[in-house]
């Protein structure tokens, strides 16, 4: 029969392991994203689908943080990196709509 302290320690260890696994999984996915440029052949529908997929990834990560299954500082770092990629996609979509000219602020 396990004591309540032993059971609590086991649950904490399990939660820490789950956090580590989730952090590694997201880290690998984001690193792979950063290595690959946005394909030039992508049209607006593909860019829109990728944008949605990345926003969903952010929401999934936030849900894991809320449940205590993801490291908060790492989640903030990964979210910044995902948002940077989303901005790249938005710039590409805007440039497609404007004929490749994206006006700078103040133009």
PDB file of N, CA and C in Angstrom:
ATOM      1  N   UNK A   1       0.845  -1.175   0.000  1.00  0.00           N
ATOM      2  CA  UNK A   1       0.000   0.000   0.000  1.00  0.00           C
ATOM      3  C   UNK A   1       0.895   1.246   0.000  1.00  0.00           C
ATOM      4  N   UNK A   2       0.612   2.150  -0.933  1.00  0.00           N
ATOM      5  CA  UNK A   2       1.424   3.364  -1.020  1.00  0.00           C
ATOM      6  C   UNK A   2       0.883   4.442  -0.089  1.00  0.00           C
ATOM      7  N   UNK A   3       1.790   5.206   0.429  1.00  0.00           N
ATOM      8  CA  UNK A   3       1.394   6.291   1.323  1.00  0.00           C
ATOM      9  C   UNK A   3       0.953   7.490   0.485  1.00  0.00           C
ATOM     10  N   UNK A   4       0.185   8.384   1.076  1.00  0.00           N
ATOM     11  CA  UNK A   4      -0.240   9.578   0.317  1.00  0.00           C
ATOM     12  C   UNK A   4       0.953  10.416  -0.167  1.00  0.00           C
ATOM     13  N   UNK A   5       2.010  10.485   0.638  1.00  0.00           N
ATOM     14  CA  UNK A   5       3.199  11.244   0.228  1.00  0.00           C
ATOM     15  C   UNK A   5       3.876  10.599  -0.978  1.00  0.00           C
ATOM     16  N   UNK A   6       3.974   9.300  -0.970  1.00  0.00           N
ATOM     17  CA  UNK A   6       4.598   8.592  -2.094  1.00  0.00           C
ATOM     18  C   UNK A   6       3.763   8.758  -3.355  1.00  0.00           C
ATOM     19  N   UNK A   7       2.441   8.685  -3.188  1.00  0.00           N
ATOM     20  CA  UNK A   7       1.549   8.846  -4.338  1.00  0.00           C
ATOM     21  C   UNK A   7       1.653  10.262  -4.902  1.00  0.00           C
ATOM     22  N   UNK A   8       1.722  11.265  -4.035  1.00  0.00           N
ATOM     23  CA  UNK A   8       1.853  12.653  -4.482  1.00  0.00           C
ATOM     24  C   UNK A   8       3.178  12.860  -5.206  1.00  0.00           C
ATOM     25  N   UNK A   9       4.239  12.286  -4.677  1.00  0.00           N
ATOM     26  CA  UNK A   9       5.551  12.410  -5.319  1.00  0.00           C
ATOM     27  C   UNK A   9       5.546  11.737  -6.690  1.00  0.00           C
ATOM     28  N   UNK A  10       4.877  10.606  -6.787  1.00  0.00           N
ATOM     29  CA  UNK A  10       4.779   9.893  -8.062  1.00  0.00           C
ATOM     30  C   UNK A  10       4.007  10.728  -9.084  1.00  0.00           C
ATOM     31  N   UNK A  11       2.924  11.358  -8.649  1.00  0.00           N
ATOM     32  CA  UNK A  11       2.130  12.194  -9.548  1.00  0.00           C
ATOM     33  C   UNK A  11       2.923  13.421 -10.013  1.00  0.00           C
ATOM     34  N   UNK A  12       3.691  14.038  -9.094  1.00  0.00           N
ATOM     35  CA  UNK A  12       4.528  15.175  -9.466  1.00  0.00           C
ATOM     36  C   UNK A  12       5.575  14.765 -10.493  1.00  0.00           C
ATOM     37  N   UNK A  13       6.183  13.609 -10.277  1.00  0.00           N
ATOM     38  CA  UNK A  13       7.197  13.123 -11.217  1.00  0.00           C
ATOM     39  C   UNK A  13       6.584  12.857 -12.590  1.00  0.00           C
ATOM     40  N   UNK A  14       5.386  12.293 -12.585  1.00  0.00           N
ATOM     41  CA  UNK A  14       4.691  12.012 -13.840  1.00  0.00           C
ATOM     42  C   UNK A  14       4.362  13.311 -14.580  1.00  0.00           C
ATOM     43  N   UNK A  15       3.911  14.325 -13.844  1.00  0.00           N
ATOM     44  CA  UNK A  15       3.574  15.610 -14.447  1.00  0.00           C
ATOM     45  C   UNK A  15       4.822  16.292 -15.001  1.00  0.00           C
ATOM     46  N   UNK A  16       5.938  16.222 -14.272  1.00  0.00           N
ATOM     47  CA  UNK A  16       7.186  16.809 -14.752  1.00  0.00           C
ATOM     48  C   UNK A  16       7.671  16.119 -16.028  1.00  0.00           C
ATOM     49  N   UNK A  17       7.539  14.806 -16.065  1.00  0.00           N
ATOM     50  CA  UNK A  17       7.932  14.057 -17.269  1.00  0.00           C
ATOM     51  C   UNK A  17       7.048  14.454 -18.452  1.00  0.00           C
ATOM     52  N   UNK A  18       5.752  14.596 -18.205  1.00  0.00           N
ATOM     53  CA  UNK A  18       4.831  15.000 -19.272  1.00  0.00           C
ATOM     54  C   UNK A  18       5.176  16.404 -19.770  1.00  0.00           C
ATOM     55  N   UNK A  19       5.522  17.319 -18.848  1.00  0.00           N
ATOM     56  CA  UNK A  19       5.947  18.665 -19.239  1.00  0.00           C
ATOM     57  C   UNK A  19       7.179  18.603 -20.127  1.00  0.00           C
ATOM     58  N   UNK A  20       8.144  17.781 -19.726  1.00  0.00           N
ATOM     59  CA  UNK A  20       9.384  17.666 -20.497  1.00  0.00           C
ATOM     60  C   UNK A  20       9.106  17.155 -21.906  1.00  0.00           C
ATOM     61  N   UNK A  21       8.267  16.116 -21.992  1.00  0.00           N
ATOM     62  CA  UNK A  21       7.942  15.533 -23.294  1.00  0.00           C
ATOM     63  C   UNK A  21       7.222  16.551 -24.178  1.00  0.00           C
ATOM     64  N   UNK A  22       6.241  17.266 -23.621  1.00  0.00           N
ATOM     65  CA  UNK A  22       5.508  18.273 -24.394  1.00  0.00           C
ATOM     66  C   UNK A  22       6.438  19.390 -24.856  1.00  0.00           C
ATOM     67  N   UNK A  23       7.325  19.829 -23.976  1.00  0.00           N
ATOM     68  CA  UNK A  23       8.255  20.901 -24.318  1.00  0.00           C
ATOM     69  C   UNK A  23       9.184  20.461 -25.444  1.00  0.00           C
ATOM     70  N   UNK A  24       9.701  19.254 -25.362  1.00  0.00           N
ATOM     71  CA  UNK A  24      10.571  18.734 -26.423  1.00  0.00           C
ATOM     72  C   UNK A  24       9.830  18.630 -27.748  1.00  0.00           C
ATOM     73  N   UNK A  25       8.605  18.124 -27.701  1.00  0.00           N
ATOM     74  CA  UNK A  25       7.818  17.940 -28.933  1.00  0.00           C
ATOM     75  C   UNK A  25       7.583  19.277 -29.626  1.00  0.00           C
ATOM     76  N   UNK A  26       7.123  20.270 -28.873  1.00  0.00           N
ATOM     77  CA  UNK A  26       6.881  21.581 -29.469  1.00  0.00           C
ATOM     78  C   UNK A  26       8.183  22.218 -29.939  1.00  0.00           C
ATOM     79  N   UNK A  27       9.250  22.059 -29.158  1.00  0.00           N
ATOM     80  CA  UNK A  27      10.542  22.621 -29.540  1.00  0.00           C
ATOM     81  C   UNK A  27      11.043  22.064 -30.859  1.00  0.00           C
ATOM     82  N   UNK A  28      10.891  20.761 -31.046  1.00  0.00           N
ATOM     83  CA  UNK A  28      11.326  20.137 -32.304  1.00  0.00           C
ATOM     84  C   UNK A  28      10.486  20.617 -33.474  1.00  0.00           C
ATOM     85  N   UNK A  29       9.167  20.734 -33.265  1.00  0.00           N
ATOM     86  CA  UNK A  29       8.286  21.195 -34.339  1.00  0.00           C
ATOM     87  C   UNK A  29       8.620  22.630 -34.746  1.00  0.00           C
ATOM     88  N   UNK A  30       8.861  23.480 -33.762  1.00  0.00           N
ATOM     89  CA  UNK A  30       9.152  24.885 -34.057  1.00  0.00           C
ATOM     90  C   UNK A  30      10.517  25.017 -34.726  1.00  0.00           C
ATOM     91  N   UNK A  31      11.490  24.249 -34.272  1.00  0.00           N
ATOM     92  CA  UNK A  31      12.818  24.283 -34.897  1.00  0.00           C
ATOM     93  C   UNK A  31      12.733  23.846 -36.359  1.00  0.00           C
ATOM     94  N   UNK A  32      11.932  22.833 -36.633  1.00  0.00           N
ATOM     95  CA  UNK A  32      11.762  22.378 -38.014  1.00  0.00           C
ATOM     96  C   UNK A  32      11.082  23.451 -38.860  1.00  0.00           C
ATOM     97  N   UNK A  33      10.113  24.146 -38.284  1.00  0.00           N
ATOM     98  CA  UNK A  33       9.435  25.228 -39.001  1.00  0.00           C
ATOM     99  C   UNK A  33      10.411  26.336 -39.369  1.00  0.00           C
ATOM    100  N   UNK A  34      11.267  26.695 -38.417  1.00  0.00           N
ATOM    101  CA  UNK A  34      12.197  27.799 -38.645  1.00  0.00           C
ATOM    102  C   UNK A  34      13.240  27.455 -39.697  1.00  0.00           C
ATOM    103  N   UNK A  35      13.550  26.201 -39.858  1.00  0.00           N
ATOM    104  CA  UNK A  35      14.551  25.784 -40.845  1.00  0.00           C
ATOM    105  C   UNK A  35      14.014  25.819 -42.268  1.00  0.00           C
ATOM    106  N   UNK A  36      12.698  25.665 -42.415  1.00  0.00           N
ATOM    107  CA  UNK A  36      12.126  25.612 -43.749  1.00  0.00           C
ATOM    108  C   UNK A  36      11.491  26.950 -44.114  1.00  0.00           C
ATOM    109  N   UNK A  37      11.876  27.502 -45.262  1.00  0.00           N
ATOM    110  CA  UNK A  37      11.257  28.761 -45.689  1.00  0.00           C
ATOM    111  C   UNK A  37       9.834  28.503 -46.188  1.00  0.00           C
ATOM    112  N   UNK A  38       9.088  29.578 -46.278  1.00  0.00           N
ATOM    113  CA  UNK A  38       7.732  29.466 -46.820  1.00  0.00           C
ATOM    114  C   UNK A  38       7.877  29.210 -48.323  1.00  0.00           C
ATOM    115  N   UNK A  39       7.288  28.128 -48.833  1.00  0.00           N
ATOM    116  CA  UNK A  39       7.435  27.823 -50.260  1.00  0.00           C
ATOM    117  C   UNK A  39       6.877  28.927 -51.156  1.00  0.00           C
ATOM    118  N   UNK A  40       7.612  29.261 -52.203  1.00  0.00           N
ATOM    119  CA  UNK A  40       7.156  30.289 -53.150  1.00  0.00           C
ATOM    120  C   UNK A  40       5.919  29.845 -53.920  1.00  0.00           C
ATOM    121  N   UNK A  41       5.758  28.539 -54.051  1.00  0.00           N
ATOM    122  CA  UNK A  41       4.629  28.018 -54.823  1.00  0.00           C
ATOM    123  C   UNK A  41       3.303  28.115 -54.069  1.00  0.00           C
ATOM    124  N   UNK A  42       3.355  28.425 -52.789  1.00  0.00           N
ATOM    125  CA  UNK A  42       2.123  28.493 -52.012  1.00  0.00           C
ATOM    126  C   UNK A  42       1.271  29.662 -52.469  1.00  0.00           C
ATOM    127  N   UNK A  43      -0.001  29.365 -52.641  1.00  0.00           N
ATOM    128  CA  UNK A  43      -0.965  30.409 -52.931  1.00  0.00           C
ATOM    129  C   UNK A  43      -1.637  30.851 -51.641  1.00  0.00           C
ATOM    130  N   UNK A  44      -2.624  31.718 -51.803  1.00  0.00           N
ATOM    131  CA  UNK A  44      -3.308  32.247 -50.630  1.00  0.00           C
ATOM    132  C   UNK A  44      -3.972  31.148 -49.794  1.00  0.00           C
ATOM    133  N   UNK A  45      -4.622  30.139 -50.409  1.00  0.00           N
ATOM    134  CA  UNK A  45      -5.262  29.095 -49.591  1.00  0.00           C
ATOM    135  C   UNK A  45      -4.270  28.316 -48.716  1.00  0.00           C
ATOM    136  N   UNK A  46      -3.094  28.012 -49.251  1.00  0.00           N
ATOM    137  CA  UNK A  46      -2.094  27.284 -48.478  1.00  0.00           C
ATOM    138  C   UNK A  46      -1.554  28.139 -47.329  1.00  0.00           C
ATOM    139  N   UNK A  47      -1.339  29.417 -47.619  1.00  0.00           N
ATOM    140  CA  UNK A  47      -0.858  30.324 -46.579  1.00  0.00           C
ATOM    141  C   UNK A  47      -1.904  30.463 -45.478  1.00  0.00           C
ATOM    142  N   UNK A  48      -3.153  30.570 -45.882  1.00  0.00           N
ATOM    143  CA  UNK A  48      -4.242  30.690 -44.901  1.00  0.00           C
ATOM    144  C   UNK A  48      -4.349  29.433 -44.035  1.00  0.00           C
ATOM    145  N   UNK A  49      -4.200  28.272 -44.653  1.00  0.00           N
ATOM    146  CA  UNK A  49      -4.269  27.014 -43.902  1.00  0.00           C
ATOM    147  C   UNK A  49      -3.105  26.906 -42.915  1.00  0.00           C
ATOM    148  N   UNK A  50      -1.909  27.308 -43.333  1.00  0.00           N
ATOM    149  CA  UNK A  50      -0.744  27.259 -42.443  1.00  0.00           C
ATOM    150  C   UNK A  50      -0.914  28.258 -41.293  1.00  0.00           C
ATOM    151  N   UNK A  51      -1.448  29.413 -41.600  1.00  0.00           N
ATOM    152  CA  UNK A  51      -1.716  30.432 -40.576  1.00  0.00           C
ATOM    153  C   UNK A  51      -2.659  29.859 -39.515  1.00  0.00           C
ATOM    154  N   UNK A  52      -3.714  29.231 -39.956  1.00  0.00           N
ATOM    155  CA  UNK A  52      -4.684  28.627 -39.028  1.00  0.00           C
ATOM    156  C   UNK A  52      -4.037  27.515 -38.213  1.00  0.00           C
ATOM    157  N   UNK A  53      -3.214  26.702 -38.850  1.00  0.00           N
ATOM    158  CA  UNK A  53      -2.554  25.598 -38.154  1.00  0.00           C
ATOM    159  C   UNK A  53      -1.633  26.126 -37.048  1.00  0.00           C
ATOM    160  N   UNK A  54      -0.910  27.190 -37.340  1.00  0.00           N
ATOM    161  CA  UNK A  54      -0.005  27.755 -36.342  1.00  0.00           C
ATOM    162  C   UNK A  54      -0.771  28.407 -35.194  1.00  0.00           C
ATOM    163  N   UNK A  55      -1.867  29.087 -35.507  1.00  0.00           N
ATOM    164  CA  UNK A  55      -2.686  29.678 -34.440  1.00  0.00           C
ATOM    165  C   UNK A  55      -3.265  28.569 -33.550  1.00  0.00           C
ATOM    166  N   UNK A  56      -3.636  27.457 -34.150  1.00  0.00           N
ATOM    167  CA  UNK A  56      -4.152  26.325 -33.384  1.00  0.00           C
ATOM    168  C   UNK A  56      -3.061  25.750 -32.486  1.00  0.00           C
ATOM    169  N   UNK A  57      -1.820  25.702 -32.981  1.00  0.00           N
ATOM    170  CA  UNK A  57      -0.685  25.226 -32.174  1.00  0.00           C
ATOM    171  C   UNK A  57      -0.521  26.103 -30.929  1.00  0.00           C
ATOM    172  N   UNK A  58      -0.648  27.416 -31.110  1.00  0.00           N
ATOM    173  CA  UNK A  58      -0.519  28.329 -29.971  1.00  0.00           C
ATOM    174  C   UNK A  58      -1.623  28.054 -28.954  1.00  0.00           C
ATOM    175  N   UNK A  59      -2.849  27.875 -29.432  1.00  0.00           N
ATOM    176  CA  UNK A  59      -3.959  27.597 -28.507  1.00  0.00           C
ATOM    177  C   UNK A  59      -3.765  26.268 -27.789  1.00  0.00           C
ATOM    178  N   UNK A  60      -3.264  25.266 -28.504  1.00  0.00           N
ATOM    179  CA  UNK A  60      -2.992  23.966 -27.890  1.00  0.00           C
ATOM    180  C   UNK A  60      -1.940  24.105 -26.790  1.00  0.00           C
ATOM    181  N   UNK A  61      -0.906  24.874 -27.071  1.00  0.00           N
ATOM    182  CA  UNK A  61       0.150  25.085 -26.081  1.00  0.00           C
ATOM    183  C   UNK A  61      -0.406  25.826 -24.863  1.00  0.00           C
ATOM    184  N   UNK A  62      -1.237  26.828 -25.084  1.00  0.00           N
ATOM    185  CA  UNK A  62      -1.832  27.565 -23.971  1.00  0.00           C
ATOM    186  C   UNK A  62      -2.708  26.668 -23.108  1.00  0.00           C
ATOM    187  N   UNK A  63      -3.434  25.750 -23.732  1.00  0.00           N
ATOM    188  CA  UNK A  63      -4.255  24.805 -22.970  1.00  0.00           C
ATOM    189  C   UNK A  63      -3.382  23.900 -22.104  1.00  0.00           C
ATOM    190  N   UNK A  64      -2.253  23.471 -22.640  1.00  0.00           N
ATOM    191  CA  UNK A  64      -1.330  22.640 -21.863  1.00  0.00           C
ATOM    192  C   UNK A  64      -0.767  23.415 -20.676  1.00  0.00           C
ATOM    193  N   UNK A  65      -0.492  24.706 -20.871  1.00  0.00           N
ATOM    194  CA  UNK A  65       0.003  25.537 -19.767  1.00  0.00           C
ATOM    195  C   UNK A  65      -1.064  25.649 -18.693  1.00  0.00           C
ATOM    196  N   UNK A  66      -2.293  25.881 -19.095  1.00  0.00           N
ATOM    197  CA  UNK A  66      -3.395  26.019 -18.135  1.00  0.00           C
ATOM    198  C   UNK A  66      -3.548  24.749 -17.311  1.00  0.00           C
ATOM    199  N   UNK A  67      -3.389  23.604 -17.946  1.00  0.00           N
ATOM    200  CA  UNK A  67      -3.515  22.319 -17.240  1.00  0.00           C
ATOM    201  C   UNK A  67      -2.250  21.950 -16.467  1.00  0.00           C
ATOM    202  N   UNK A  68      -1.206  22.769 -16.574  1.00  0.00           N
ATOM    203  CA  UNK A  68       0.036  22.486 -15.859  1.00  0.00           C
ATOM    204  C   UNK A  68       0.888  21.434 -16.532  1.00  0.00           C
ATOM    205  N   UNK A  69       0.698  21.247 -17.829  1.00  0.00           N
ATOM    206  CA  UNK A  69       1.430  20.211 -18.561  1.00  0.00           C
ATOM    207  C   UNK A  69       2.462  20.784 -19.527  1.00  0.00           C
ATOM    208  N   UNK A  70       2.794  22.058 -19.307  1.00  0.00           N
ATOM    209  CA  UNK A  70       3.782  22.703 -20.177  1.00  0.00           C
ATOM    210  C   UNK A  70       4.486  23.776 -19.373  1.00  0.00           C
ATOM    211  N   UNK A  71       5.775  23.928 -19.604  1.00  0.00           N
ATOM    212  CA  UNK A  71       6.600  24.892 -18.899  1.00  0.00           C
ATOM    213  C   UNK A  71       6.252  26.312 -19.364  1.00  0.00           C
ATOM    214  N   UNK A  72       5.920  27.212 -18.444  1.00  0.00           N
ATOM    215  CA  UNK A  72       5.468  28.558 -18.800  1.00  0.00           C
ATOM    216  C   UNK A  72       6.542  29.368 -19.526  1.00  0.00           C
ATOM    217  N   UNK A  73       7.787  29.456 -19.023  1.00  0.00           N
ATOM    218  CA  UNK A  73       8.792  30.243 -19.768  1.00  0.00           C
ATOM    219  C   UNK A  73       9.041  29.709 -21.181  1.00  0.00           C
ATOM    220  N   UNK A  74       9.070  28.400 -21.329  1.00  0.00           N
ATOM    221  CA  UNK A  74       9.269  27.818 -22.666  1.00  0.00           C
ATOM    222  C   UNK A  74       8.071  28.126 -23.555  1.00  0.00           C
ATOM    223  N   UNK A  75       6.880  28.093 -22.986  1.00  0.00           N
ATOM    224  CA  UNK A  75       5.685  28.377 -23.778  1.00  0.00           C
ATOM    225  C   UNK A  75       5.729  29.809 -24.300  1.00  0.00           C
ATOM    226  N   UNK A  76       6.207  30.748 -23.478  1.00  0.00           N
ATOM    227  CA  UNK A  76       6.312  32.134 -23.930  1.00  0.00           C
ATOM    228  C   UNK A  76       7.325  32.269 -25.059  1.00  0.00           C
ATOM    229  N   UNK A  77       8.448  31.572 -24.930  1.00  0.00           N
ATOM    230  CA  UNK A  77       9.464  31.605 -25.980  1.00  0.00           C
ATOM    231  C   UNK A  77       8.913  31.017 -27.277  1.00  0.00           C
ATOM    232  N   UNK A  78       8.281  29.842 -27.178  1.00  0.00           N
ATOM    233  CA  UNK A  78       7.753  29.173 -28.368  1.00  0.00           C
ATOM    234  C   UNK A  78       6.641  29.990 -29.007  1.00  0.00           C
ATOM    235  N   UNK A  79       5.828  30.627 -28.179  1.00  0.00           N
ATOM    236  CA  UNK A  79       4.739  31.441 -28.723  1.00  0.00           C
ATOM    237  C   UNK A  79       5.312  32.620 -29.512  1.00  0.00           C
ATOM    238  N   UNK A  80       6.356  33.264 -28.999  1.00  0.00           N
ATOM    239  CA  UNK A  80       6.989  34.369 -29.738  1.00  0.00           C
ATOM    240  C   UNK A  80       7.513  33.885 -31.085  1.00  0.00           C
ATOM    241  N   UNK A  81       8.116  32.706 -31.099  1.00  0.00           N
ATOM    242  CA  UNK A  81       8.661  32.173 -32.347  1.00  0.00           C
ATOM    243  C   UNK A  81       7.551  31.819 -33.336  1.00  0.00           C
ATOM    244  N   UNK A  82       6.450  31.267 -32.830  1.00  0.00           N
ATOM    245  CA  UNK A  82       5.325  30.950 -33.710  1.00  0.00           C
ATOM    246  C   UNK A  82       4.686  32.223 -34.257  1.00  0.00           C
ATOM    247  N   UNK A  83       4.557  33.234 -33.419  1.00  0.00           N
ATOM    248  CA  UNK A  83       3.971  34.500 -33.872  1.00  0.00           C
ATOM    249  C   UNK A  83       4.857  35.136 -34.943  1.00  0.00           C
ATOM    250  N   UNK A  84       6.172  35.028 -34.808  1.00  0.00           N
ATOM    251  CA  UNK A  84       7.077  35.552 -35.831  1.00  0.00           C
ATOM    252  C   UNK A  84       6.825  34.849 -37.165  1.00  0.00           C
ATOM    253  N   UNK A  85       6.627  33.543 -37.122  1.00  0.00           N
ATOM    254  CA  UNK A  85       6.337  32.791 -38.353  1.00  0.00           C
ATOM    255  C   UNK A  85       4.981  33.209 -38.927  1.00  0.00           C
ATOM    256  N   UNK A  86       4.017  33.423 -38.057  1.00  0.00           N
ATOM    257  CA  UNK A  86       2.691  33.868 -38.512  1.00  0.00           C
ATOM    258  C   UNK A  86       2.813  35.230 -39.204  1.00  0.00           C
ATOM    259  N   UNK A  87       3.632  36.115 -38.665  1.00  0.00           N
ATOM    260  CA  UNK A  87       3.824  37.426 -39.295  1.00  0.00           C
ATOM    261  C   UNK A  87       4.462  37.278 -40.677  1.00  0.00           C
ATOM    262  N   UNK A  88       5.375  36.325 -40.815  1.00  0.00           N
ATOM    263  CA  UNK A  88       5.966  36.074 -42.134  1.00  0.00           C
ATOM    264  C   UNK A  88       4.884  35.650 -43.121  1.00  0.00           C
ATOM    265  N   UNK A  89       4.001  34.764 -42.668  1.00  0.00           N
ATOM    266  CA  UNK A  89       2.915  34.310 -43.540  1.00  0.00           C
ATOM    267  C   UNK A  89       1.990  35.470 -43.911  1.00  0.00           C
ATOM    268  N   UNK A  90       1.686  36.318 -42.936  1.00  0.00           N
ATOM    269  CA  UNK A  90       0.811  37.453 -43.207  1.00  0.00           C
ATOM    270  C   UNK A  90       1.450  38.421 -44.204  1.00  0.00           C
ATOM    271  N   UNK A  91       2.752  38.635 -44.062  1.00  0.00           N
ATOM    272  CA  UNK A  91       3.463  39.503 -45.009  1.00  0.00           C
ATOM    273  C   UNK A  91       3.410  38.918 -46.420  1.00  0.00           C
ATOM    274  N   UNK A  92       3.607  37.613 -46.508  1.00  0.00           N
ATOM    275  CA  UNK A  92       3.549  36.958 -47.823  1.00  0.00           C
ATOM    276  C   UNK A  92       2.158  37.107 -48.426  1.00  0.00           C
ATOM    277  N   UNK A  93       1.120  36.901 -47.626  1.00  0.00           N
ATOM    278  CA  UNK A  93      -0.252  37.024 -48.125  1.00  0.00           C
ATOM    279  C   UNK A  93      -0.525  38.466 -48.561  1.00  0.00           C
ATOM    280  N   UNK A  94      -0.074  39.428 -47.771  1.00  0.00           N
ATOM    281  CA  UNK A  94      -0.271  40.836 -48.122  1.00  0.00           C
ATOM    282  C   UNK A  94       0.445  41.178 -49.415  1.00  0.00           C
ATOM    283  N   UNK A  95       1.659  40.663 -49.562  1.00  0.00           N
ATOM    284  CA  UNK A  95       2.418  40.968 -50.778  1.00  0.00           C
ATOM    285  C   UNK A  95       1.758  40.353 -52.008  1.00  0.00           C
ATOM    286  N   UNK A  96       1.100  39.223 -51.826  1.00  0.00           N
ATOM    287  CA  UNK A  96       0.393  38.607 -52.954  1.00  0.00           C
ATOM    288  C   UNK A  96      -0.804  39.469 -53.359  1.00  0.00           C
ATOM    289  N   UNK A  97      -1.450  40.090 -52.404  1.00  0.00           N
ATOM    290  CA  UNK A  97      -2.627  40.911 -52.680  1.00  0.00           C
ATOM    291  C   UNK A  97      -2.241  42.258 -53.293  1.00  0.00           C
ATOM    292  N   UNK A  98      -1.035  42.747 -52.982  1.00  0.00           N
ATOM    293  CA  UNK A  98      -0.635  44.073 -53.435  1.00  0.00           C
ATOM    294  C   UNK A  98       0.335  44.023 -54.615  1.00  0.00           C
ATOM    295  N   UNK A  99       0.501  42.876 -55.205  1.00  0.00           N
ATOM    296  CA  UNK A  99       1.405  42.766 -56.340  1.00  0.00           C
ATOM    297  C   UNK A  99       2.868  42.815 -55.941  1.00  0.00           C
ATOM    298  N   UNK A 100       3.181  42.220 -54.816  1.00  0.00           N
ATOM    299  CA  UNK A 100       4.547  42.080 -54.293  1.00  0.00           C
ATOM    300  C   UNK A 100       5.094  43.363 -53.675  1.00  0.00           C
ATOM    301  N   UNK A 101       4.328  44.429 -53.639  1.00  0.00           N
ATOM    302  CA  UNK A 101       4.796  45.652 -52.974  1.00  0.00           C
ATOM    303  C   UNK A 101       4.074  45.802 -51.653  1.00  0.00           C
ATOM    304  N   UNK A 102       4.841  45.771 -50.586  1.00  0.00           N
ATOM    305  CA  UNK A 102       4.268  45.959 -49.272  1.00  0.00           C
ATOM    306  C   UNK A 102       4.729  47.327 -48.773  1.00  0.00           C
ATOM    307  N   UNK A 103       3.797  48.275 -48.649  1.00  0.00           N
ATOM    308  CA  UNK A 103       4.210  49.594 -48.185  1.00  0.00           C
ATOM    309  C   UNK A 103       4.711  49.568 -46.744  1.00  0.00           C
ATOM    310  N   UNK A 104       5.755  50.313 -46.507  1.00  0.00           N
ATOM    311  CA  UNK A 104       6.297  50.427 -45.162  1.00  0.00           C
ATOM    312  C   UNK A 104       5.447  51.427 -44.384  1.00  0.00           C
ATOM    313  N   UNK A 105       5.461  51.342 -43.074  1.00  0.00           N
ATOM    314  CA  UNK A 105       4.697  52.315 -42.289  1.00  0.00           C
ATOM    315  C   UNK A 105       5.141  53.740 -42.632  1.00  0.00           C
ATOM    316  N   UNK A 106       4.162  54.583 -42.893  1.00  0.00           N
ATOM    317  CA  UNK A 106       4.455  55.979 -43.240  1.00  0.00           C
ATOM    318  C   UNK A 106       4.477  56.247 -44.741  1.00  0.00           C
ATOM    319  N   UNK A 107       4.381  55.203 -45.570  1.00  0.00           N
ATOM    320  CA  UNK A 107       4.374  55.407 -47.035  1.00  0.00           C
ATOM    321  C   UNK A 107       3.009  55.838 -47.500  1.00  0.00           C
TER     322      UNK A 107
END
